[in-house]
């Protein structure tokens, strides 16, 4: 680049900078990619068997849907920074299943659930393994089964 072109290149850079200041680039909504992927009706399979028929490995959206259904949580509970035990356990199970059932890396898994850092996924996988080894996870799953049965009974009462 010659000396005559440098001022022109600098003027172009400043013009782009000024244009971006006046018209900032639209940042996608934080949850938009998850909501489109993890919401039924957006081309996702209705159950995990259909997902396995479509591909060799389940994708992150299917795993997230299964975890949400198992823990009876909504997407906003898991995506938010809430520290309730149910949301934490659901996130840990999602991290572990996503890591072991797919070929995605920690940064991809963490970004999918709106975490900025891959260490959240790494920590979740380690904690989930420790809980399974110590037997705490089996106790928590029995609590989940009892909650689901209670929810079914309440639905049957309201329907009758």
Protein backbone atom coordinates (compact mmCIF):
# COMPACT_ATOMS: atom_id res chain seq x y z
CA UNK A 1 0.00 0.00 0.00
CA UNK A 2 1.46 3.32 -1.01
CA UNK A 3 1.44 6.47 1.09
CA UNK A 4 -1.34 7.95 -1.06
CA UNK A 5 -3.65 5.01 -0.28
CA UNK A 6 -3.16 5.14 3.49
CA UNK A 7 -5.28 8.23 4.08
CA UNK A 8 -8.00 6.76 1.85
CA UNK A 9 -7.97 3.47 3.77
CA UNK A 10 -8.08 5.36 7.06
CA UNK A 11 -11.00 7.47 5.83
CA UNK A 12 -12.86 4.29 4.87
CA UNK A 13 -12.24 2.81 8.32
CA UNK A 14 -13.55 5.96 9.99
CA UNK A 15 -16.60 6.00 7.71
CA UNK A 16 -17.43 2.41 8.64
CA UNK A 17 -16.91 3.21 12.31
CA UNK A 18 -19.22 6.25 12.13
CA UNK A 19 -21.86 4.28 10.24
CA UNK A 20 -21.79 1.53 12.85
CA UNK A 21 -22.11 4.12 15.62
CA UNK A 22 -25.22 5.60 13.99
CA UNK A 23 -26.69 2.25 12.97
CA UNK A 24 -25.39 -0.37 15.37
CA UNK A 25 -25.40 -3.91 14.18
CA UNK A 26 -28.38 -5.81 15.49
CA UNK A 27 -27.29 -8.31 18.06
CA UNK A 28 -29.41 -11.47 18.11
CA UNK A 29 -31.54 -11.99 21.15
CA UNK A 30 -29.70 -13.95 23.82
CA UNK A 31 -32.16 -16.83 23.83
CA UNK A 32 -33.31 -16.69 20.22
CA UNK A 33 -31.27 -19.58 18.87
CA UNK A 34 -32.32 -21.84 21.73
CA UNK A 35 -35.98 -20.89 21.56
CA UNK A 36 -36.14 -21.67 17.86
CA UNK A 37 -34.32 -24.94 18.30
CA UNK A 38 -35.83 -26.19 21.54
CA UNK A 39 -39.45 -25.20 20.95
CA UNK A 40 -41.74 -27.88 19.52
CA UNK A 41 -43.14 -26.98 16.14
CA UNK A 42 -39.91 -25.63 14.65
CA UNK A 43 -39.10 -28.78 12.73
CA UNK A 44 -37.82 -30.73 15.70
CA UNK A 45 -38.73 -34.36 16.13
CA UNK A 46 -41.54 -35.02 18.58
CA UNK A 47 -39.55 -37.59 20.54
CA UNK A 48 -36.03 -38.88 20.79
CA UNK A 49 -36.72 -42.00 18.72
CA UNK A 50 -37.58 -39.82 15.70
CA UNK A 51 -34.40 -37.86 16.31
CA UNK A 52 -32.31 -41.00 16.32
CA UNK A 53 -33.98 -42.10 13.10
CA UNK A 54 -32.98 -38.79 11.50
CA UNK A 55 -29.32 -38.94 12.44
CA UNK A 56 -26.72 -41.11 14.03
CA UNK A 57 -26.37 -38.98 17.15
CA UNK A 58 -28.94 -36.82 18.94
CA UNK A 59 -28.37 -33.11 18.64
CA UNK A 60 -28.18 -30.63 21.48
CA UNK A 61 -31.78 -29.49 21.07
CA UNK A 62 -33.15 -33.00 21.51
CA UNK A 63 -31.00 -33.59 24.58
CA UNK A 64 -32.13 -30.27 26.05
CA UNK A 65 -35.79 -31.08 25.42
CA UNK A 66 -35.43 -34.47 27.09
CA UNK A 67 -33.72 -32.93 30.12
CA UNK A 68 -36.39 -30.23 30.41
CA UNK A 69 -39.17 -32.81 30.20
CA UNK A 70 -37.49 -35.08 32.75
CA UNK A 71 -36.95 -32.29 35.27
CA UNK A 72 -40.32 -30.64 34.52
CA UNK A 73 -38.70 -27.26 33.91
CA UNK A 74 -39.15 -24.56 31.35
CA UNK A 75 -36.40 -23.35 29.09
CA UNK A 76 -36.11 -20.00 30.85
CA UNK A 77 -35.33 -21.77 34.13
CA UNK A 78 -32.30 -23.53 32.69
CA UNK A 79 -31.05 -20.67 30.51
CA UNK A 80 -31.25 -18.10 33.30
CA UNK A 81 -28.72 -17.75 36.09
CA UNK A 82 -31.08 -19.19 38.67
CA UNK A 83 -29.35 -21.31 41.25
CA UNK A 84 -32.27 -23.51 42.25
CA UNK A 85 -31.25 -27.15 42.66
CA UNK A 86 -33.64 -28.29 39.93
CA UNK A 87 -32.19 -25.89 37.36
CA UNK A 88 -28.62 -26.75 38.37
CA UNK A 89 -29.22 -30.48 38.15
CA UNK A 90 -30.92 -30.12 34.78
CA UNK A 91 -27.99 -28.09 33.47
CA UNK A 92 -25.50 -30.63 34.82
CA UNK A 93 -27.35 -33.51 33.18
CA UNK A 94 -27.56 -31.60 29.90
CA UNK A 95 -23.84 -30.82 29.97
CA UNK A 96 -22.90 -34.42 30.69
CA UNK A 97 -25.24 -35.96 28.15
CA UNK A 98 -24.26 -33.44 25.48
CA UNK A 99 -20.58 -34.12 26.08
CA UNK A 100 -20.88 -37.91 26.01
CA UNK A 101 -23.63 -38.37 23.41
CA UNK A 102 -22.46 -35.83 20.82
CA UNK A 103 -19.18 -34.73 19.34
CA UNK A 104 -19.61 -31.09 20.40
CA UNK A 105 -16.90 -29.32 22.35
CA UNK A 106 -17.34 -27.64 25.73
CA UNK A 107 -17.53 -24.11 24.26
CA UNK A 108 -20.29 -25.14 21.84
CA UNK A 109 -22.28 -26.86 24.58
CA UNK A 110 -21.94 -23.91 26.96
CA UNK A 111 -22.84 -21.38 24.26
CA UNK A 112 -25.93 -23.41 23.35
CA UNK A 113 -27.32 -22.93 26.82
CA UNK A 114 -26.27 -19.24 26.90
CA UNK A 115 -23.22 -19.61 29.06
CA UNK A 116 -20.30 -17.40 28.15
CA UNK A 117 -17.53 -19.67 29.34
CA UNK A 118 -16.80 -23.32 28.56
CA UNK A 119 -15.70 -23.95 32.15
CA UNK A 120 -19.36 -24.00 33.23
CA UNK A 121 -19.90 -27.06 31.03
CA UNK A 122 -16.69 -28.68 32.26
CA UNK A 123 -17.69 -28.13 35.88
CA UNK A 124 -21.18 -29.49 35.21
CA UNK A 125 -19.82 -32.68 33.67
CA UNK A 126 -17.47 -33.23 36.62
CA UNK A 127 -20.19 -32.56 39.19
CA UNK A 128 -22.64 -34.86 37.41
CA UNK A 129 -20.08 -37.69 37.38
CA UNK A 130 -19.35 -37.16 41.07
CA UNK A 131 -23.05 -37.18 41.93
CA UNK A 132 -23.60 -40.40 39.99
CA UNK A 133 -20.63 -42.04 41.66
CA UNK A 134 -21.70 -41.07 45.16
CA UNK A 135 -25.31 -42.15 44.68
CA UNK A 136 -26.85 -38.71 45.12
CA UNK A 137 -28.11 -38.69 41.55
CA UNK A 138 -30.14 -41.88 42.06
CA UNK A 139 -31.81 -40.32 45.09
CA UNK A 140 -32.61 -37.19 43.10
CA UNK A 141 -34.11 -39.28 40.27
CA UNK A 142 -36.46 -41.01 42.74
CA UNK A 143 -37.62 -37.55 43.83
CA UNK A 144 -38.24 -36.64 40.19
CA UNK A 145 -40.31 -39.80 39.65
CA UNK A 146 -42.40 -38.98 42.72
CA UNK A 147 -42.96 -35.42 41.46
CA UNK A 148 -44.09 -36.67 38.06
CA UNK A 149 -46.55 -39.10 39.63
CA UNK A 150 -47.91 -36.35 41.85
CA UNK A 151 -48.32 -34.06 38.84
CA UNK A 152 -50.20 -36.80 36.95
CA UNK A 153 -52.52 -37.35 39.91
CA UNK A 154 -53.25 -33.63 40.14
CA UNK A 155 -53.98 -33.47 36.40
CA UNK A 156 -56.34 -36.44 36.74
CA UNK A 157 -58.16 -34.73 39.60
CA UNK A 158 -58.58 -31.47 37.72
CA UNK A 159 -59.73 -33.30 34.57
CA UNK A 160 -62.38 -35.30 36.49
